[in-house]
Amino acid sequence: MKINTRNFKVAIATSCMTMRELQKAGKLSSTTINRAKYDREYLPELKTVGKLARALGVSVEYLTEDVRE
């Protein structure tokens, strides 16, 4: 499951959170957040996607892209 980087950036902007606040709220590293924000090939664990979604107040579906192979 890939992160939809556009939706992720919109969710961050809408939440008015700084990266440090997102780090703290999601209990995630800055590396993880930066990869989710910029790396279109990043495949995070489901738990990580859940933490990001919860911290930003959005659904997992909003943050992800459906990748069918």
C-alpha atoms as a PDB file:
ATOM      1  CA  MET A   1       0.000   0.000   0.000  1.00  0.00           C
ATOM      2  CA  LYS A   2       1.534   3.290  -1.098  1.00  0.00           C
ATOM      3  CA  ILE A   3       1.051   6.702   0.433  1.00  0.00           C
ATOM      4  CA  ASN A   4      -0.759   9.195  -1.792  1.00  0.00           C
ATOM      5  CA  THR A   5       1.824  11.953  -1.374  1.00  0.00           C
ATOM      6  CA  ARG A   6      -0.526  14.683  -2.621  1.00  0.00           C
ATOM      7  CA  ASN A   7      -3.248  13.772  -0.124  1.00  0.00           C
ATOM      8  CA  PHE A   8      -0.640  13.416   2.618  1.00  0.00           C
ATOM      9  CA  LYS A   9       0.642  16.946   1.973  1.00  0.00           C
ATOM     10  CA  VAL A  10      -2.934  18.296   1.906  1.00  0.00           C
ATOM     11  CA  ALA A  11      -3.700  16.565   5.220  1.00  0.00           C
ATOM     12  CA  ILE A  12      -0.593  18.091   6.802  1.00  0.00           C
ATOM     13  CA  ALA A  13      -1.527  21.567   5.535  1.00  0.00           C
ATOM     14  CA  THR A  14      -5.130  21.184   6.692  1.00  0.00           C
ATOM     15  CA  SER A  15      -4.053  20.049  10.158  1.00  0.00           C
ATOM     16  CA  CYS A  16      -1.715  23.062  10.512  1.00  0.00           C
ATOM     17  CA  MET A  17       0.807  20.748  12.170  1.00  0.00           C
ATOM     18  CA  THR A  18       4.538  21.184  12.005  1.00  0.00           C
ATOM     19  CA  MET A  19       6.641  18.153  11.165  1.00  0.00           C
ATOM     20  CA  ARG A  20       7.749  17.980  14.793  1.00  0.00           C
ATOM     21  CA  GLU A  21       4.135  18.013  15.993  1.00  0.00           C
ATOM     22  CA  LEU A  22       3.260  15.269  13.520  1.00  0.00           C
ATOM     23  CA  GLN A  23       6.263  13.267  14.692  1.00  0.00           C
ATOM     24  CA  LYS A  24       5.117  13.559  18.280  1.00  0.00           C
ATOM     25  CA  ALA A  25       1.426  12.904  17.598  1.00  0.00           C
ATOM     26  CA  GLY A  26       2.137   9.863  15.439  1.00  0.00           C
ATOM     27  CA  LYS A  27       5.112   8.642  17.464  1.00  0.00           C
ATOM     28  CA  LEU A  28       7.066   8.396  14.220  1.00  0.00           C
ATOM     29  CA  SER A  29      10.566   9.369  13.133  1.00  0.00           C
ATOM     30  CA  SER A  30      11.289  12.325  10.889  1.00  0.00           C
ATOM     31  CA  THR A  31      12.710   9.879   8.343  1.00  0.00           C
ATOM     32  CA  THR A  32       9.405   8.006   8.168  1.00  0.00           C
ATOM     33  CA  ILE A  33       7.426  11.215   7.736  1.00  0.00           C
ATOM     34  CA  ASN A  34       9.763  12.542   5.051  1.00  0.00           C
ATOM     35  CA  ARG A  35       9.643   9.268   3.131  1.00  0.00           C
ATOM     36  CA  ALA A  36       5.842   9.294   3.275  1.00  0.00           C
ATOM     37  CA  LYS A  37       5.789  12.904   2.103  1.00  0.00           C
ATOM     38  CA  TYR A  38       8.300  12.701  -0.767  1.00  0.00           C
ATOM     39  CA  ASP A  39       9.084   9.081  -1.744  1.00  0.00           C
ATOM     40  CA  ARG A  40       6.433   7.853  -4.194  1.00  0.00           C
ATOM     41  CA  GLU A  41       7.819   4.297  -3.969  1.00  0.00           C
ATOM     42  CA  TYR A  42       7.726   4.100  -0.156  1.00  0.00           C
ATOM     43  CA  LEU A  43       5.733   1.121   1.121  1.00  0.00           C
ATOM     44  CA  PRO A  44       5.154   1.696   4.848  1.00  0.00           C
ATOM     45  CA  GLU A  45       3.821  -0.924   7.229  1.00  0.00           C
ATOM     46  CA  LEU A  46       0.068  -0.779   7.785  1.00  0.00           C
ATOM     47  CA  LYS A  47       0.663   0.239  11.383  1.00  0.00           C
ATOM     48  CA  THR A  48       2.634   3.274  10.174  1.00  0.00           C
ATOM     49  CA  VAL A  49      -0.164   4.320   7.813  1.00  0.00           C
ATOM     50  CA  GLY A  50      -2.605   4.023  10.699  1.00  0.00           C
ATOM     51  CA  LYS A  51      -0.450   6.207  12.934  1.00  0.00           C
ATOM     52  CA  LEU A  52      -0.163   8.868  10.226  1.00  0.00           C
ATOM     53  CA  ALA A  53      -3.898   8.830   9.540  1.00  0.00           C
ATOM     54  CA  ARG A  54      -4.812   9.041  13.230  1.00  0.00           C
ATOM     55  CA  ALA A  55      -2.361  11.867  13.893  1.00  0.00           C
ATOM     56  CA  LEU A  56      -3.732  13.864  10.951  1.00  0.00           C
ATOM     57  CA  GLY A  57      -7.391  13.054  11.614  1.00  0.00           C
ATOM     58  CA  VAL A  58      -8.000  11.461   8.208  1.00  0.00           C
ATOM     59  CA  SER A  59      -8.874   7.968   7.018  1.00  0.00           C
ATOM     60  CA  VAL A  60      -6.318   5.396   5.944  1.00  0.00           C
ATOM     61  CA  GLU A  61      -8.101   5.278   2.588  1.00  0.00           C
ATOM     62  CA  TYR A  62      -7.520   9.010   2.094  1.00  0.00           C
ATOM     63  CA  LEU A  63      -3.770   8.624   2.656  1.00  0.00           C
ATOM     64  CA  THR A  64      -3.237   5.609   0.449  1.00  0.00           C
ATOM     65  CA  GLU A  65      -3.292   4.596  -3.184  1.00  0.00           C
ATOM     66  CA  ASP A  66      -4.712   1.324  -4.362  1.00  0.00           C
ATOM     67  CA  VAL A  67      -1.842  -0.509  -6.039  1.00  0.00           C
ATOM     68  CA  ARG A  68      -2.891  -3.556  -8.026  1.00  0.00           C
ATOM     69  CA  GLU A  69      -0.279  -5.699  -9.647  1.00  0.00           C
END
